[in-house]
Amino acid sequence: MIINVMLVDDHKMLREGIKQLLEFDSEIKVISSAQTGKECLSLLEENKPDIVLLDINLPDTSGIKLIKDIKKRSKTIKVMMLTVHNEVEYLVDSLDGGADGYILKDSGAEELIKAIKFIYNGERYIEPSLIPSLNARLVQLETETDMVKSLTKREIQILSLLVSGKSNLDISETLKLSEQTIKNHVTALYKKIGVKDRTQAAVFAIRNNIVSM
């Protein structure tokens, strides 16, 4: 069994170092490398990697956005993010985008090789140190989903107007309600979604796709 790997990272020295580390394992072969998203997609036409090791920060695009383009080229290609980002938001966005694995660049060679073999065999690999944060984020997402479902059409309307920067007076004029009624709605809305001010409400609305930026 030989696992064919493509490396996508804009740092040449890092690509060369990872290539040397991986090829100490007789079952892994680095068949190509790219420093941009465009180059990656071009090389996919010539090469048939089993796995693409993909950085998030590329000169011409986001690695997270690139996942879908890679998967369009071939449904069998596995993609593992290899990144410095240990924030759970990047992990969640990568998984939502179709990544099969997520590992940090400061992981050891043995861990990286293990991760590659995991996803080659159809399993998902997640950096062990990030799993507690991921679990907490998933619980938060589930809780917020329930919160969104509990909002009335009027509350969603008011939340959208708040996020757009309108004052209570502006909203009252838009909805043809008294300013005091709007204040009452806003107070109840904040309590329902667990926020304290407009900024937190905006973050909640954007995170849950109630509004988009």
N, C-alpha and C. Protein backbone atom coordinates (compact mmCIF):
# COMPACT_ATOMS: atom_id res chain seq x y z
N MET A 1 0.83 -1.20 0.00
CA MET A 1 0.00 0.00 0.00
C MET A 1 0.87 1.25 0.00
N ILE A 2 0.64 2.14 -0.95
CA ILE A 2 1.31 3.43 -0.99
C ILE A 2 0.26 4.54 -0.93
N ILE A 3 0.41 5.46 0.01
CA ILE A 3 -0.49 6.59 0.13
C ILE A 3 0.16 7.79 -0.56
N ASN A 4 -0.46 8.24 -1.64
CA ASN A 4 0.06 9.38 -2.40
C ASN A 4 -0.44 10.69 -1.81
N VAL A 5 0.48 11.58 -1.50
CA VAL A 5 0.14 12.82 -0.79
C VAL A 5 0.57 14.04 -1.60
N MET A 6 -0.27 15.07 -1.59
CA MET A 6 0.09 16.38 -2.11
C MET A 6 0.18 17.36 -0.95
N LEU A 7 1.24 18.18 -0.94
CA LEU A 7 1.41 19.21 0.08
C LEU A 7 1.05 20.57 -0.50
N VAL A 8 0.23 21.32 0.21
CA VAL A 8 -0.14 22.68 -0.23
C VAL A 8 0.14 23.65 0.91
N ASP A 9 1.22 24.41 0.74
CA ASP A 9 1.65 25.38 1.74
C ASP A 9 2.55 26.40 1.05
N ASP A 10 2.47 27.65 1.45
CA ASP A 10 3.24 28.67 0.73
C ASP A 10 4.69 28.80 1.23
N HIS A 11 5.09 27.98 2.19
CA HIS A 11 6.46 28.02 2.68
C HIS A 11 7.24 26.81 2.14
N LYS A 12 8.17 27.08 1.25
CA LYS A 12 8.92 26.01 0.59
C LYS A 12 9.70 25.15 1.59
N MET A 13 10.34 25.80 2.54
CA MET A 13 11.15 25.05 3.50
C MET A 13 10.28 24.08 4.31
N LEU A 14 9.08 24.54 4.66
CA LEU A 14 8.17 23.68 5.41
C LEU A 14 7.73 22.50 4.56
N ARG A 15 7.41 22.76 3.29
CA ARG A 15 6.99 21.66 2.40
C ARG A 15 8.09 20.62 2.28
N GLU A 16 9.31 21.09 2.11
CA GLU A 16 10.44 20.16 1.96
C GLU A 16 10.67 19.37 3.24
N GLY A 17 10.54 20.05 4.40
CA GLY A 17 10.73 19.36 5.67
C GLY A 17 9.67 18.30 5.92
N ILE A 18 8.42 18.62 5.62
CA ILE A 18 7.33 17.66 5.80
C ILE A 18 7.50 16.48 4.86
N LYS A 19 7.92 16.77 3.63
CA LYS A 19 8.14 15.69 2.65
C LYS A 19 9.17 14.69 3.17
N GLN A 20 10.27 15.21 3.71
CA GLN A 20 11.31 14.32 4.24
C GLN A 20 10.79 13.49 5.41
N LEU A 21 10.03 14.14 6.29
CA LEU A 21 9.49 13.42 7.46
C LEU A 21 8.53 12.31 7.03
N LEU A 22 7.64 12.63 6.10
CA LEU A 22 6.63 11.65 5.68
C LEU A 22 7.25 10.46 4.97
N GLU A 23 8.27 10.72 4.18
CA GLU A 23 8.83 9.64 3.36
C GLU A 23 9.78 8.74 4.13
N PHE A 24 9.95 9.02 5.44
CA PHE A 24 10.61 8.04 6.29
C PHE A 24 9.73 6.81 6.45
N ASP A 25 8.41 7.02 6.22
CA ASP A 25 7.46 5.91 6.25
C ASP A 25 7.34 5.34 4.84
N SER A 26 7.60 4.07 4.70
CA SER A 26 7.63 3.44 3.37
C SER A 26 6.26 3.38 2.70
N GLU A 27 5.19 3.65 3.47
CA GLU A 27 3.84 3.57 2.90
C GLU A 27 3.34 4.92 2.40
N ILE A 28 4.14 5.97 2.56
CA ILE A 28 3.71 7.32 2.16
C ILE A 28 4.67 7.89 1.12
N LYS A 29 4.10 8.47 0.06
CA LYS A 29 4.92 9.10 -0.97
C LYS A 29 4.33 10.47 -1.29
N VAL A 30 5.15 11.51 -1.20
CA VAL A 30 4.72 12.86 -1.58
C VAL A 30 4.94 13.01 -3.08
N ILE A 31 3.85 13.07 -3.82
CA ILE A 31 3.96 13.07 -5.29
C ILE A 31 3.96 14.47 -5.89
N SER A 32 3.54 15.48 -5.11
CA SER A 32 3.57 16.85 -5.63
C SER A 32 3.38 17.83 -4.49
N SER A 33 3.73 19.09 -4.78
CA SER A 33 3.51 20.15 -3.79
C SER A 33 3.15 21.44 -4.50
N ALA A 34 2.42 22.29 -3.80
CA ALA A 34 1.97 23.56 -4.38
C ALA A 34 2.05 24.64 -3.31
N GLN A 35 2.21 25.89 -3.76
CA GLN A 35 2.28 26.99 -2.80
C GLN A 35 1.06 27.91 -2.85
N THR A 36 0.18 27.69 -3.84
CA THR A 36 -1.04 28.49 -3.94
C THR A 36 -2.23 27.57 -4.23
N GLY A 37 -3.42 28.11 -4.05
CA GLY A 37 -4.63 27.36 -4.38
C GLY A 37 -4.72 27.07 -5.86
N LYS A 38 -4.38 28.05 -6.67
CA LYS A 38 -4.43 27.88 -8.13
C LYS A 38 -3.50 26.78 -8.58
N GLU A 39 -2.29 26.78 -8.03
CA GLU A 39 -1.32 25.74 -8.40
C GLU A 39 -1.80 24.37 -7.95
N CYS A 40 -2.41 24.31 -6.77
CA CYS A 40 -2.95 23.05 -6.26
C CYS A 40 -3.96 22.46 -7.24
N LEU A 41 -4.93 23.27 -7.66
CA LEU A 41 -5.98 22.79 -8.55
C LEU A 41 -5.40 22.38 -9.91
N SER A 42 -4.40 23.10 -10.36
CA SER A 42 -3.75 22.75 -11.63
C SER A 42 -3.04 21.40 -11.54
N LEU A 43 -2.35 21.18 -10.42
CA LEU A 43 -1.61 19.93 -10.24
C LEU A 43 -2.54 18.73 -10.06
N LEU A 44 -3.74 18.98 -9.55
CA LEU A 44 -4.69 17.88 -9.38
C LEU A 44 -5.09 17.28 -10.72
N GLU A 45 -4.98 18.09 -11.79
CA GLU A 45 -5.30 17.58 -13.13
C GLU A 45 -4.23 16.59 -13.59
N GLU A 46 -3.00 16.78 -13.12
CA GLU A 46 -1.88 15.94 -13.55
C GLU A 46 -1.63 14.79 -12.59
N ASN A 47 -1.85 15.05 -11.31
CA ASN A 47 -1.56 14.04 -10.28
C ASN A 47 -2.84 13.51 -9.66
N LYS A 48 -2.77 12.37 -9.08
CA LYS A 48 -3.93 11.77 -8.44
C LYS A 48 -3.60 11.42 -6.99
N PRO A 49 -3.50 12.45 -6.14
CA PRO A 49 -3.18 12.16 -4.73
C PRO A 49 -4.34 11.49 -4.01
N ASP A 50 -4.00 10.69 -3.03
CA ASP A 50 -5.03 10.13 -2.16
C ASP A 50 -5.43 11.15 -1.10
N ILE A 51 -4.43 11.93 -0.68
CA ILE A 51 -4.63 12.90 0.40
C ILE A 51 -3.95 14.22 0.04
N VAL A 52 -4.64 15.31 0.31
CA VAL A 52 -4.04 16.64 0.19
C VAL A 52 -3.86 17.20 1.60
N LEU A 53 -2.60 17.52 1.95
CA LEU A 53 -2.33 18.22 3.21
C LEU A 53 -2.38 19.70 2.90
N LEU A 54 -3.31 20.41 3.52
CA LEU A 54 -3.65 21.76 3.09
C LEU A 54 -3.54 22.78 4.22
N ASP A 55 -2.77 23.82 3.96
CA ASP A 55 -2.67 24.93 4.92
C ASP A 55 -3.91 25.81 4.78
N ILE A 56 -4.27 26.51 5.84
CA ILE A 56 -5.42 27.41 5.78
C ILE A 56 -5.04 28.73 5.12
N ASN A 57 -3.85 29.24 5.45
CA ASN A 57 -3.42 30.54 4.95
C ASN A 57 -2.59 30.38 3.67
N LEU A 58 -3.21 30.69 2.54
CA LEU A 58 -2.53 30.63 1.25
C LEU A 58 -2.52 32.03 0.63
N PRO A 59 -1.56 32.32 -0.25
CA PRO A 59 -1.45 33.68 -0.80
C PRO A 59 -2.66 34.13 -1.61
N ASP A 60 -3.33 33.20 -2.27
CA ASP A 60 -4.41 33.59 -3.18
C ASP A 60 -5.81 33.19 -2.74
N THR A 61 -5.91 32.43 -1.66
CA THR A 61 -7.23 31.99 -1.21
C THR A 61 -7.14 31.42 0.19
N SER A 62 -8.29 31.10 0.75
CA SER A 62 -8.32 30.40 2.04
C SER A 62 -8.35 28.90 1.78
N GLY A 63 -7.55 28.18 2.54
CA GLY A 63 -7.55 26.73 2.39
C GLY A 63 -8.92 26.13 2.65
N ILE A 64 -9.68 26.76 3.55
CA ILE A 64 -11.03 26.25 3.86
C ILE A 64 -11.92 26.35 2.63
N LYS A 65 -11.83 27.47 1.91
CA LYS A 65 -12.62 27.62 0.68
C LYS A 65 -12.15 26.64 -0.40
N LEU A 66 -10.87 26.33 -0.38
CA LEU A 66 -10.28 25.46 -1.41
C LEU A 66 -10.75 24.01 -1.29
N ILE A 67 -11.17 23.61 -0.09
CA ILE A 67 -11.59 22.21 0.12
C ILE A 67 -12.64 21.79 -0.89
N LYS A 68 -13.68 22.61 -1.07
CA LYS A 68 -14.78 22.26 -1.96
C LYS A 68 -14.30 22.12 -3.40
N ASP A 69 -13.38 23.01 -3.81
CA ASP A 69 -12.84 22.94 -5.17
C ASP A 69 -12.05 21.65 -5.39
N ILE A 70 -11.33 21.25 -4.36
CA ILE A 70 -10.57 20.00 -4.45
C ILE A 70 -11.51 18.81 -4.56
N LYS A 71 -12.53 18.81 -3.73
CA LYS A 71 -13.49 17.70 -3.71
C LYS A 71 -14.28 17.61 -5.03
N LYS A 72 -14.47 18.76 -5.68
CA LYS A 72 -15.16 18.75 -6.98
C LYS A 72 -14.33 18.01 -8.03
N ARG A 73 -13.01 18.10 -7.88
CA ARG A 73 -12.13 17.43 -8.84
C ARG A 73 -12.21 15.91 -8.70
N SER A 74 -12.38 15.47 -7.47
CA SER A 74 -12.47 14.03 -7.21
C SER A 74 -13.11 13.78 -5.85
N LYS A 75 -14.15 12.97 -5.84
CA LYS A 75 -14.85 12.66 -4.58
C LYS A 75 -14.03 11.74 -3.68
N THR A 76 -13.01 11.11 -4.25
CA THR A 76 -12.22 10.16 -3.46
C THR A 76 -11.05 10.81 -2.73
N ILE A 77 -10.68 12.03 -3.13
CA ILE A 77 -9.55 12.70 -2.48
C ILE A 77 -9.91 13.09 -1.05
N LYS A 78 -9.02 12.78 -0.13
CA LYS A 78 -9.19 13.19 1.25
C LYS A 78 -8.39 14.47 1.49
N VAL A 79 -8.92 15.35 2.32
CA VAL A 79 -8.24 16.60 2.62
C VAL A 79 -8.02 16.73 4.13
N MET A 80 -6.76 16.96 4.50
CA MET A 80 -6.46 17.21 5.91
C MET A 80 -5.81 18.58 6.04
N MET A 81 -6.39 19.40 6.92
CA MET A 81 -5.82 20.71 7.18
C MET A 81 -4.59 20.55 8.06
N LEU A 82 -3.50 21.20 7.64
CA LEU A 82 -2.25 21.21 8.41
C LEU A 82 -1.95 22.68 8.69
N THR A 83 -2.15 23.11 9.92
CA THR A 83 -2.21 24.55 10.18
C THR A 83 -1.65 24.93 11.55
N VAL A 84 -1.41 26.22 11.71
CA VAL A 84 -1.00 26.73 13.03
C VAL A 84 -2.20 27.13 13.86
N HIS A 85 -3.38 27.19 13.24
CA HIS A 85 -4.57 27.70 13.93
C HIS A 85 -5.16 26.67 14.90
N ASN A 86 -5.10 26.99 16.18
CA ASN A 86 -5.69 26.08 17.17
C ASN A 86 -7.03 26.59 17.69
N GLU A 87 -7.58 27.64 17.04
CA GLU A 87 -8.89 28.14 17.43
C GLU A 87 -9.99 27.21 16.90
N VAL A 88 -10.96 26.93 17.75
CA VAL A 88 -11.98 25.95 17.40
C VAL A 88 -12.82 26.41 16.20
N GLU A 89 -12.94 27.73 16.00
CA GLU A 89 -13.72 28.24 14.86
C GLU A 89 -13.14 27.75 13.54
N TYR A 90 -11.81 27.75 13.43
CA TYR A 90 -11.17 27.27 12.20
C TYR A 90 -11.43 25.78 12.01
N LEU A 91 -11.38 25.04 13.11
CA LEU A 91 -11.65 23.60 13.04
C LEU A 91 -13.08 23.33 12.58
N VAL A 92 -14.04 24.02 13.18
CA VAL A 92 -15.45 23.82 12.82
C VAL A 92 -15.69 24.21 11.36
N ASP A 93 -15.13 25.35 10.94
CA ASP A 93 -15.30 25.79 9.55
C ASP A 93 -14.68 24.79 8.57
N SER A 94 -13.54 24.22 8.94
CA SER A 94 -12.88 23.23 8.08
C SER A 94 -13.72 21.97 7.94
N LEU A 95 -14.24 21.48 9.05
CA LEU A 95 -15.07 20.28 9.02
C LEU A 95 -16.35 20.53 8.24
N ASP A 96 -16.95 21.71 8.46
CA ASP A 96 -18.16 22.07 7.71
C ASP A 96 -17.86 22.18 6.22
N GLY A 97 -16.64 22.61 5.91
CA GLY A 97 -16.25 22.76 4.51
C GLY A 97 -15.91 21.46 3.80
N GLY A 98 -15.83 20.37 4.58
CA GLY A 98 -15.59 19.06 3.96
C GLY A 98 -14.25 18.43 4.28
N ALA A 99 -13.49 19.03 5.19
CA ALA A 99 -12.19 18.44 5.56
C ALA A 99 -12.37 17.09 6.24
N ASP A 100 -11.44 16.20 5.96
CA ASP A 100 -11.47 14.86 6.56
C ASP A 100 -10.60 14.78 7.81
N GLY A 101 -9.76 15.79 7.99
CA GLY A 101 -8.88 15.79 9.15
C GLY A 101 -8.36 17.19 9.44
N TYR A 102 -7.85 17.36 10.66
CA TYR A 102 -7.34 18.67 11.09
C TYR A 102 -6.22 18.41 12.08
N ILE A 103 -5.03 18.88 11.75
CA ILE A 103 -3.88 18.66 12.63
C ILE A 103 -3.03 19.92 12.66
N LEU A 104 -2.39 20.17 13.80
CA LEU A 104 -1.57 21.36 13.96
C LEU A 104 -0.14 21.11 13.48
N LYS A 105 0.50 22.19 13.03
CA LYS A 105 1.85 22.07 12.48
C LYS A 105 2.90 21.73 13.53
N ASP A 106 2.57 21.95 14.80
CA ASP A 106 3.56 21.61 15.82
C ASP A 106 3.42 20.17 16.31
N SER A 107 2.58 19.38 15.64
CA SER A 107 2.46 17.96 15.97
C SER A 107 3.74 17.23 15.55
N GLY A 108 4.01 16.11 16.21
CA GLY A 108 5.18 15.32 15.87
C GLY A 108 4.98 14.53 14.58
N ALA A 109 6.08 14.05 14.03
CA ALA A 109 6.04 13.30 12.77
C ALA A 109 5.17 12.05 12.91
N GLU A 110 5.29 11.35 14.04
CA GLU A 110 4.52 10.12 14.24
C GLU A 110 3.02 10.42 14.24
N GLU A 111 2.63 11.54 14.87
CA GLU A 111 1.22 11.91 14.93
C GLU A 111 0.69 12.25 13.54
N LEU A 112 1.51 12.96 12.75
CA LEU A 112 1.10 13.34 11.40
C LEU A 112 0.92 12.10 10.52
N ILE A 113 1.85 11.18 10.62
CA ILE A 113 1.77 9.94 9.83
C ILE A 113 0.54 9.13 10.25
N LYS A 114 0.30 9.07 11.56
CA LYS A 114 -0.89 8.35 12.05
C LYS A 114 -2.16 8.99 11.51
N ALA A 115 -2.20 10.32 11.51
CA ALA A 115 -3.38 11.04 11.02
C ALA A 115 -3.62 10.76 9.54
N ILE A 116 -2.56 10.74 8.75
CA ILE A 116 -2.68 10.46 7.32
C ILE A 116 -3.25 9.07 7.10
N LYS A 117 -2.78 8.12 7.85
CA LYS A 117 -3.26 6.74 7.68
C LYS A 117 -4.71 6.60 8.17
N PHE A 118 -5.06 7.35 9.19
CA PHE A 118 -6.44 7.36 9.68
C PHE A 118 -7.39 7.76 8.57
N ILE A 119 -7.14 8.91 7.96
CA ILE A 119 -8.11 9.40 6.98
C ILE A 119 -8.02 8.63 5.66
N TYR A 120 -6.86 8.06 5.37
CA TYR A 120 -6.75 7.20 4.18
C TYR A 120 -7.68 6.00 4.32
N ASN A 121 -7.82 5.51 5.55
CA ASN A 121 -8.66 4.34 5.82
C ASN A 121 -10.12 4.71 6.10
N GLY A 122 -10.48 5.95 5.79
CA GLY A 122 -11.88 6.33 5.88
C GLY A 122 -12.33 6.88 7.22
N GLU A 123 -11.39 7.12 8.14
CA GLU A 123 -11.73 7.67 9.43
C GLU A 123 -11.43 9.17 9.44
N ARG A 124 -12.09 9.89 10.31
CA ARG A 124 -11.82 11.32 10.47
C ARG A 124 -10.80 11.51 11.59
N TYR A 125 -9.84 12.39 11.35
CA TYR A 125 -8.82 12.65 12.38
C TYR A 125 -8.91 14.10 12.84
N ILE A 126 -8.95 14.29 14.16
CA ILE A 126 -8.97 15.64 14.72
C ILE A 126 -7.86 15.74 15.76
N GLU A 127 -7.10 16.83 15.68
CA GLU A 127 -6.04 17.10 16.64
C GLU A 127 -6.57 16.85 18.06
N PRO A 128 -5.96 15.90 18.80
CA PRO A 128 -6.47 15.54 20.13
C PRO A 128 -6.64 16.72 21.08
N SER A 129 -5.71 17.67 21.03
CA SER A 129 -5.78 18.81 21.97
C SER A 129 -6.98 19.71 21.71
N LEU A 130 -7.58 19.60 20.52
CA LEU A 130 -8.72 20.47 20.16
C LEU A 130 -10.08 19.81 20.42
N ILE A 131 -10.09 18.54 20.74
CA ILE A 131 -11.36 17.83 20.91
C ILE A 131 -12.23 18.40 22.03
N PRO A 132 -11.65 18.74 23.21
CA PRO A 132 -12.50 19.34 24.26
C PRO A 132 -13.16 20.65 23.79
N SER A 133 -12.40 21.49 23.08
CA SER A 133 -12.96 22.75 22.58
C SER A 133 -14.03 22.50 21.53
N LEU A 134 -13.81 21.48 20.70
CA LEU A 134 -14.80 21.13 19.68
C LEU A 134 -16.09 20.65 20.33
N ASN A 135 -15.97 19.81 21.32
CA ASN A 135 -17.17 19.30 22.01
C ASN A 135 -17.95 20.45 22.65
N ALA A 136 -17.23 21.37 23.27
CA ALA A 136 -17.89 22.52 23.90
C ALA A 136 -18.58 23.39 22.85
N ARG A 137 -17.91 23.55 21.71
CA ARG A 137 -18.50 24.38 20.63
C ARG A 137 -19.74 23.71 20.07
N LEU A 138 -19.72 22.39 19.92
CA LEU A 138 -20.89 21.67 19.39
C LEU A 138 -22.08 21.79 20.34
N VAL A 139 -21.80 21.74 21.65
CA VAL A 139 -22.87 21.92 22.64
C VAL A 139 -23.44 23.33 22.52
N GLN A 140 -22.54 24.31 22.33
CA GLN A 140 -22.99 25.70 22.17
C GLN A 140 -23.85 25.86 20.92
N LEU A 141 -23.42 25.24 19.82
CA LEU A 141 -24.17 25.32 18.57
C LEU A 141 -25.56 24.71 18.73
N GLU A 142 -25.62 23.58 19.44
CA GLU A 142 -26.92 22.92 19.66
C GLU A 142 -27.84 23.81 20.50
N THR A 143 -27.23 24.44 21.54
CA THR A 143 -28.01 25.34 22.40
C THR A 143 -28.50 26.53 21.60
N GLU A 144 -27.62 27.11 20.77
CA GLU A 144 -28.00 28.29 20.00
C GLU A 144 -29.03 27.94 18.93
N THR A 145 -28.95 26.74 18.39
CA THR A 145 -29.96 26.31 17.42
C THR A 145 -31.34 26.30 18.07
N ASP A 146 -31.41 25.81 19.30
CA ASP A 146 -32.68 25.81 20.04
C ASP A 146 -33.15 27.24 20.31
N MET A 147 -32.19 28.12 20.61
CA MET A 147 -32.54 29.53 20.85
C MET A 147 -33.15 30.16 19.61
N VAL A 148 -32.51 29.91 18.46
CA VAL A 148 -32.99 30.49 17.20
C VAL A 148 -34.40 29.99 16.90
N LYS A 149 -34.64 28.70 17.12
CA LYS A 149 -35.96 28.13 16.87
C LYS A 149 -37.03 28.75 17.76
N SER A 150 -36.62 29.23 18.94
CA SER A 150 -37.59 29.80 19.88
C SER A 150 -37.95 31.25 19.55
N LEU A 151 -37.19 31.88 18.65
CA LEU A 151 -37.46 33.28 18.32
C LEU A 151 -38.72 33.41 17.46
N THR A 152 -39.50 34.43 17.76
CA THR A 152 -40.67 34.72 16.95
C THR A 152 -40.25 35.50 15.70
N LYS A 153 -41.14 35.59 14.72
CA LYS A 153 -40.84 36.36 13.51
C LYS A 153 -40.53 37.81 13.86
N ARG A 154 -41.29 38.37 14.82
CA ARG A 154 -41.06 39.75 15.25
C ARG A 154 -39.68 39.91 15.86
N GLU A 155 -39.26 38.95 16.69
CA GLU A 155 -37.94 39.04 17.33
C GLU A 155 -36.83 38.93 16.30
N ILE A 156 -36.99 38.06 15.32
CA ILE A 156 -35.99 37.95 14.26
C ILE A 156 -35.91 39.24 13.46
N GLN A 157 -37.06 39.84 13.22
CA GLN A 157 -37.12 41.10 12.49
C GLN A 157 -36.38 42.20 13.26
N ILE A 158 -36.64 42.28 14.55
CA ILE A 158 -35.98 43.28 15.39
C ILE A 158 -34.49 43.02 15.48
N LEU A 159 -34.09 41.77 15.63
CA LEU A 159 -32.68 41.41 15.70
C LEU A 159 -31.95 41.82 14.42
N SER A 160 -32.57 41.57 13.28
CA SER A 160 -31.97 41.94 12.00
C SER A 160 -31.79 43.45 11.89
N LEU A 161 -32.77 44.19 12.36
CA LEU A 161 -32.69 45.65 12.32
C LEU A 161 -31.63 46.18 13.29
N LEU A 162 -31.52 45.54 14.45
CA LEU A 162 -30.47 45.91 15.41
C LEU A 162 -29.09 45.74 14.79
N VAL A 163 -28.88 44.60 14.15
CA VAL A 163 -27.59 44.28 13.55
C VAL A 163 -27.25 45.26 12.43
N SER A 164 -28.26 45.75 11.75
CA SER A 164 -28.03 46.70 10.65
C SER A 164 -27.66 48.09 11.15
N GLY A 165 -27.71 48.27 12.48
CA GLY A 165 -27.27 49.53 13.06
C GLY A 165 -28.39 50.50 13.41
N LYS A 166 -29.62 50.09 13.29
CA LYS A 166 -30.75 50.98 13.58
C LYS A 166 -30.96 51.13 15.09
N SER A 167 -31.31 52.33 15.50
CA SER A 167 -31.61 52.61 16.91
C SER A 167 -33.01 52.12 17.24
N ASN A 168 -33.34 52.12 18.53
CA ASN A 168 -34.69 51.72 18.94
C ASN A 168 -35.74 52.62 18.28
N LEU A 169 -35.41 53.90 18.18
CA LEU A 169 -36.34 54.84 17.56
C LEU A 169 -36.53 54.52 16.07
N ASP A 170 -35.42 54.24 15.40
CA ASP A 170 -35.49 53.86 13.98
C ASP A 170 -36.36 52.63 13.79
N ILE A 171 -36.16 51.64 14.67
CA ILE A 171 -36.91 50.38 14.56
C ILE A 171 -38.40 50.63 14.81
N SER A 172 -38.67 51.48 15.79
CA SER A 172 -40.07 51.77 16.10
C SER A 172 -40.77 52.42 14.91
N GLU A 173 -40.04 53.30 14.22
CA GLU A 173 -40.62 53.96 13.05
C GLU A 173 -40.78 52.98 11.90
N THR A 174 -39.81 52.08 11.73
CA THR A 174 -39.87 51.08 10.66
C THR A 174 -41.04 50.12 10.86
N LEU A 175 -41.21 49.69 12.11
CA LEU A 175 -42.24 48.69 12.41
C LEU A 175 -43.57 49.31 12.86
N LYS A 176 -43.56 50.66 12.96
CA LYS A 176 -44.79 51.37 13.37
C LYS A 176 -45.27 50.90 14.74
N LEU A 177 -44.32 50.82 15.66
CA LEU A 177 -44.60 50.49 17.05
C LEU A 177 -44.00 51.58 17.92
N SER A 178 -44.45 51.68 19.16
CA SER A 178 -43.89 52.70 20.05
C SER A 178 -42.45 52.34 20.41
N GLU A 179 -41.66 53.35 20.74
CA GLU A 179 -40.26 53.11 21.11
C GLU A 179 -40.18 52.25 22.37
N GLN A 180 -41.11 52.46 23.31
CA GLN A 180 -41.11 51.67 24.54
C GLN A 180 -41.39 50.19 24.24
N THR A 181 -42.28 49.94 23.29
CA THR A 181 -42.57 48.55 22.91
C THR A 181 -41.31 47.89 22.34
N ILE A 182 -40.57 48.64 21.53
CA ILE A 182 -39.33 48.12 20.96
C ILE A 182 -38.32 47.85 22.06
N LYS A 183 -38.20 48.76 23.02
CA LYS A 183 -37.28 48.55 24.14
C LYS A 183 -37.63 47.27 24.89
N ASN A 184 -38.91 47.05 25.08
CA ASN A 184 -39.35 45.82 25.78
C ASN A 184 -38.99 44.58 24.98
N HIS A 185 -39.20 44.66 23.66
CA HIS A 185 -38.85 43.54 22.78
C HIS A 185 -37.35 43.26 22.83
N VAL A 186 -36.55 44.32 22.80
CA VAL A 186 -35.09 44.17 22.79
C VAL A 186 -34.60 43.54 24.09
N THR A 187 -35.15 44.01 25.22
CA THR A 187 -34.78 43.44 26.52
C THR A 187 -35.11 41.95 26.59
N ALA A 188 -36.30 41.59 26.12
CA ALA A 188 -36.72 40.18 26.12
C ALA A 188 -35.85 39.36 25.17
N LEU A 189 -35.51 39.96 24.03
CA LEU A 189 -34.68 39.28 23.03
C LEU A 189 -33.30 38.98 23.58
N TYR A 190 -32.66 39.99 24.21
CA TYR A 190 -31.34 39.78 24.80
C TYR A 190 -31.35 38.63 25.81
N LYS A 191 -32.39 38.62 26.63
CA LYS A 191 -32.50 37.57 27.65
C LYS A 191 -32.65 36.19 27.00
N LYS A 192 -33.45 36.14 25.94
CA LYS A 192 -33.73 34.86 25.29
C LYS A 192 -32.49 34.26 24.63
N ILE A 193 -31.64 35.11 24.04
CA ILE A 193 -30.46 34.57 23.33
C ILE A 193 -29.18 34.67 24.16
N GLY A 194 -29.33 35.15 25.40
CA GLY A 194 -28.20 35.15 26.33
C GLY A 194 -27.11 36.16 26.02
N VAL A 195 -27.49 37.36 25.58
CA VAL A 195 -26.50 38.40 25.29
C VAL A 195 -26.81 39.64 26.13
N LYS A 196 -25.84 40.57 26.16
CA LYS A 196 -26.00 41.76 27.00
C LYS A 196 -26.06 43.06 26.22
N ASP A 197 -25.64 43.04 24.95
CA ASP A 197 -25.64 44.28 24.19
C ASP A 197 -25.77 44.01 22.70
N ARG A 198 -25.77 45.08 21.91
CA ARG A 198 -25.96 44.97 20.47
C ARG A 198 -24.83 44.21 19.78
N THR A 199 -23.61 44.43 20.26
CA THR A 199 -22.46 43.75 19.65
C THR A 199 -22.59 42.24 19.80
N GLN A 200 -22.92 41.78 21.01
CA GLN A 200 -23.09 40.35 21.24
C GLN A 200 -24.27 39.81 20.45
N ALA A 201 -25.32 40.62 20.34
CA ALA A 201 -26.49 40.20 19.55
C ALA A 201 -26.12 40.04 18.08
N ALA A 202 -25.28 40.96 17.57
CA ALA A 202 -24.84 40.90 16.17
C ALA A 202 -24.01 39.64 15.92
N VAL A 203 -23.11 39.34 16.85
CA VAL A 203 -22.28 38.13 16.72
C VAL A 203 -23.16 36.88 16.69
N PHE A 204 -24.15 36.84 17.58
CA PHE A 204 -25.10 35.72 17.63
C PHE A 204 -25.84 35.58 16.30
N ALA A 205 -26.34 36.71 15.79
CA ALA A 205 -27.13 36.69 14.55
C ALA A 205 -26.30 36.24 13.35
N ILE A 206 -25.06 36.70 13.27
CA ILE A 206 -24.20 36.33 12.15
C ILE A 206 -23.78 34.88 12.26
N ARG A 207 -23.41 34.46 13.48
CA ARG A 207 -22.97 33.09 13.70
C ARG A 207 -24.04 32.08 13.38
N ASN A 208 -25.31 32.47 13.58
CA ASN A 208 -26.42 31.55 13.35
C ASN A 208 -27.15 31.82 12.04
N ASN A 209 -26.50 32.60 11.18
CA ASN A 209 -27.02 32.86 9.82
C ASN A 209 -28.39 33.52 9.81
N ILE A 210 -28.68 34.29 10.84
CA ILE A 210 -29.92 35.07 10.85
C ILE A 210 -29.74 36.27 9.93
N VAL A 211 -28.53 36.81 9.94
CA VAL A 211 -28.15 37.86 8.99
C VAL A 211 -26.78 37.49 8.44
N SER A 212 -26.40 38.11 7.34
CA SER A 212 -25.08 37.89 6.77
C SER A 212 -24.39 39.22 6.60
N MET A 213 -23.05 39.17 6.59
CA MET A 213 -22.28 40.41 6.43
C MET A 213 -21.78 40.53 5.00
